[in-house]
Amino acid sequence: MLLAAFEPASKELAIFLIIGVACFVLAAFAGPNLLRRAGGSVGFVGLGLAFIFFPEMWRTIDAAF
């Protein structure tokens, strides 16, 4: 059940992609106050990439084993 969590057209995949896009939008429109905090815009880009690529990595590991 858990290994099939990120099947194509699943709700979980859609949630991860939406969160990833939201992180990219936050990174694009981050103000100077956010840049002083840990990570800043670069942290949001990294987080967005993690949310975008995690389901694909999960499916690849599931297929390999």
N, C-alpha and C. Protein backbone atom coordinates (compact mmCIF):
# COMPACT_ATOMS: atom_id res chain seq x y z
N MET A 1 0.83 -1.20 0.00
CA MET A 1 0.00 0.00 0.00
C MET A 1 0.87 1.25 0.00
N LEU A 2 1.85 1.29 0.88
CA LEU A 2 2.69 2.47 0.97
C LEU A 2 3.57 2.64 -0.26
N LEU A 3 4.02 1.52 -0.83
CA LEU A 3 4.87 1.62 -2.01
C LEU A 3 4.11 2.13 -3.23
N ALA A 4 2.80 1.99 -3.24
CA ALA A 4 1.99 2.47 -4.36
C ALA A 4 1.43 3.86 -4.10
N ALA A 5 2.06 4.61 -3.23
CA ALA A 5 1.52 5.91 -2.83
C ALA A 5 1.58 6.95 -3.95
N PHE A 6 2.56 6.86 -4.83
CA PHE A 6 2.74 7.88 -5.84
C PHE A 6 2.49 7.36 -7.24
N GLU A 7 1.39 6.67 -7.42
CA GLU A 7 1.02 6.21 -8.75
C GLU A 7 0.63 7.41 -9.61
N PRO A 8 0.77 7.30 -10.93
CA PRO A 8 0.35 8.41 -11.79
C PRO A 8 -1.13 8.75 -11.56
N ALA A 9 -1.42 10.02 -11.56
CA ALA A 9 -2.78 10.55 -11.37
C ALA A 9 -3.32 10.28 -9.97
N SER A 10 -2.45 10.17 -8.97
CA SER A 10 -2.92 9.97 -7.60
C SER A 10 -3.00 11.32 -6.88
N LYS A 11 -3.76 11.35 -5.81
CA LYS A 11 -3.90 12.57 -5.03
C LYS A 11 -2.59 12.97 -4.37
N GLU A 12 -1.84 11.98 -3.92
CA GLU A 12 -0.57 12.27 -3.25
C GLU A 12 0.41 12.95 -4.20
N LEU A 13 0.47 12.46 -5.44
CA LEU A 13 1.36 13.05 -6.44
C LEU A 13 0.95 14.49 -6.72
N ALA A 14 -0.34 14.73 -6.84
CA ALA A 14 -0.82 16.09 -7.10
C ALA A 14 -0.49 17.02 -5.94
N ILE A 15 -0.60 16.55 -4.73
CA ILE A 15 -0.29 17.38 -3.57
C ILE A 15 1.20 17.74 -3.55
N PHE A 16 2.06 16.76 -3.83
CA PHE A 16 3.49 17.03 -3.85
C PHE A 16 3.85 18.03 -4.95
N LEU A 17 3.25 17.89 -6.12
CA LEU A 17 3.56 18.82 -7.21
C LEU A 17 3.06 20.23 -6.91
N ILE A 18 1.90 20.35 -6.31
CA ILE A 18 1.37 21.67 -5.96
C ILE A 18 2.25 22.34 -4.90
N ILE A 19 2.69 21.57 -3.91
CA ILE A 19 3.57 22.14 -2.88
C ILE A 19 4.90 22.56 -3.50
N GLY A 20 5.42 21.77 -4.44
CA GLY A 20 6.67 22.12 -5.11
C GLY A 20 6.55 23.41 -5.90
N VAL A 21 5.46 23.57 -6.63
CA VAL A 21 5.24 24.80 -7.39
C VAL A 21 5.06 25.98 -6.45
N ALA A 22 4.37 25.77 -5.34
CA ALA A 22 4.20 26.86 -4.36
C ALA A 22 5.54 27.29 -3.78
N CYS A 23 6.44 26.36 -3.55
CA CYS A 23 7.78 26.72 -3.07
C CYS A 23 8.54 27.54 -4.10
N PHE A 24 8.40 27.18 -5.39
CA PHE A 24 9.06 27.96 -6.44
C PHE A 24 8.50 29.37 -6.52
N VAL A 25 7.19 29.51 -6.35
CA VAL A 25 6.56 30.83 -6.38
C VAL A 25 7.03 31.66 -5.19
N LEU A 26 7.10 31.05 -4.02
CA LEU A 26 7.60 31.76 -2.85
C LEU A 26 9.05 32.19 -3.04
N ALA A 27 9.85 31.34 -3.66
CA ALA A 27 11.25 31.71 -3.91
C ALA A 27 11.35 32.85 -4.91
N ALA A 28 10.47 32.87 -5.89
CA ALA A 28 10.52 33.92 -6.92
C ALA A 28 10.12 35.27 -6.35
N PHE A 29 9.16 35.28 -5.44
CA PHE A 29 8.65 36.54 -4.91
C PHE A 29 9.08 36.81 -3.48
N ALA A 30 10.15 36.18 -3.05
CA ALA A 30 10.63 36.38 -1.68
C ALA A 30 11.19 37.79 -1.52
N GLY A 31 10.80 38.43 -0.46
CA GLY A 31 11.27 39.78 -0.20
C GLY A 31 12.61 39.79 0.51
N PRO A 32 13.16 40.96 0.74
CA PRO A 32 14.46 41.04 1.40
C PRO A 32 14.45 40.55 2.84
N ASN A 33 13.31 40.61 3.51
CA ASN A 33 13.24 40.12 4.89
C ASN A 33 13.41 38.61 4.95
N LEU A 34 12.92 37.93 3.95
CA LEU A 34 13.04 36.48 3.92
C LEU A 34 14.47 36.05 3.65
N LEU A 35 15.22 36.87 2.93
CA LEU A 35 16.59 36.51 2.57
C LEU A 35 17.51 36.48 3.78
N ARG A 36 17.18 37.19 4.82
CA ARG A 36 18.02 37.22 6.02
C ARG A 36 17.85 35.96 6.85
N ARG A 37 16.75 35.28 6.69
CA ARG A 37 16.51 34.07 7.46
C ARG A 37 17.30 32.91 6.86
N ALA A 38 17.35 31.83 7.59
CA ALA A 38 18.14 30.67 7.16
C ALA A 38 17.62 30.12 5.84
N GLY A 39 18.46 30.08 4.86
CA GLY A 39 18.09 29.52 3.56
C GLY A 39 17.60 30.54 2.58
N GLY A 40 16.63 31.34 2.96
CA GLY A 40 16.08 32.36 2.08
C GLY A 40 15.46 31.76 0.83
N SER A 41 15.63 32.44 -0.29
CA SER A 41 15.06 31.99 -1.55
C SER A 41 15.67 30.68 -2.01
N VAL A 42 16.95 30.51 -1.76
CA VAL A 42 17.62 29.28 -2.19
C VAL A 42 17.04 28.08 -1.44
N GLY A 43 16.68 28.28 -0.20
CA GLY A 43 16.06 27.21 0.57
C GLY A 43 14.72 26.80 -0.01
N PHE A 44 13.94 27.76 -0.48
CA PHE A 44 12.66 27.45 -1.11
C PHE A 44 12.85 26.72 -2.43
N VAL A 45 13.87 27.09 -3.19
CA VAL A 45 14.14 26.39 -4.45
C VAL A 45 14.52 24.94 -4.17
N GLY A 46 15.38 24.73 -3.18
CA GLY A 46 15.76 23.37 -2.82
C GLY A 46 14.59 22.56 -2.32
N LEU A 47 13.74 23.17 -1.53
CA LEU A 47 12.56 22.48 -1.02
C LEU A 47 11.59 22.15 -2.16
N GLY A 48 11.44 23.09 -3.09
CA GLY A 48 10.58 22.84 -4.26
C GLY A 48 11.10 21.70 -5.10
N LEU A 49 12.42 21.65 -5.32
CA LEU A 49 13.00 20.54 -6.08
C LEU A 49 12.80 19.22 -5.37
N ALA A 50 12.91 19.23 -4.06
CA ALA A 50 12.69 18.00 -3.30
C ALA A 50 11.26 17.51 -3.45
N PHE A 51 10.29 18.41 -3.38
CA PHE A 51 8.89 18.02 -3.52
C PHE A 51 8.57 17.57 -4.94
N ILE A 52 9.22 18.15 -5.94
CA ILE A 52 8.95 17.77 -7.31
C ILE A 52 9.55 16.39 -7.63
N PHE A 53 10.78 16.12 -7.17
CA PHE A 53 11.47 14.90 -7.55
C PHE A 53 11.27 13.73 -6.60
N PHE A 54 10.77 13.95 -5.39
CA PHE A 54 10.59 12.84 -4.45
C PHE A 54 9.66 11.75 -4.98
N PRO A 55 8.49 12.08 -5.55
CA PRO A 55 7.63 11.00 -6.06
C PRO A 55 8.30 10.17 -7.17
N GLU A 56 9.07 10.82 -8.03
CA GLU A 56 9.75 10.08 -9.10
C GLU A 56 10.81 9.15 -8.51
N MET A 57 11.55 9.64 -7.53
CA MET A 57 12.55 8.78 -6.88
C MET A 57 11.87 7.61 -6.17
N TRP A 58 10.73 7.87 -5.55
CA TRP A 58 9.99 6.83 -4.84
C TRP A 58 9.55 5.74 -5.82
N ARG A 59 9.02 6.14 -6.99
CA ARG A 59 8.57 5.15 -7.98
C ARG A 59 9.77 4.38 -8.55
N THR A 60 10.91 5.04 -8.73
CA THR A 60 12.09 4.36 -9.24
C THR A 60 12.60 3.32 -8.27
N ILE A 61 12.65 3.65 -7.00
CA ILE A 61 13.08 2.69 -5.97
C ILE A 61 12.08 1.55 -5.88
N ASP A 62 10.79 1.85 -5.98
CA ASP A 62 9.76 0.81 -5.94
C ASP A 62 9.93 -0.14 -7.12
N ALA A 63 10.23 0.37 -8.30
CA ALA A 63 10.41 -0.48 -9.47
C ALA A 63 11.71 -1.29 -9.40
N ALA A 64 12.73 -0.74 -8.76
CA ALA A 64 14.02 -1.44 -8.69
C ALA A 64 13.98 -2.61 -7.72
N PHE A 65 13.21 -2.49 -6.67
CA PHE A 65 13.19 -3.55 -5.68
C PHE A 65 11.83 -4.16 -5.64
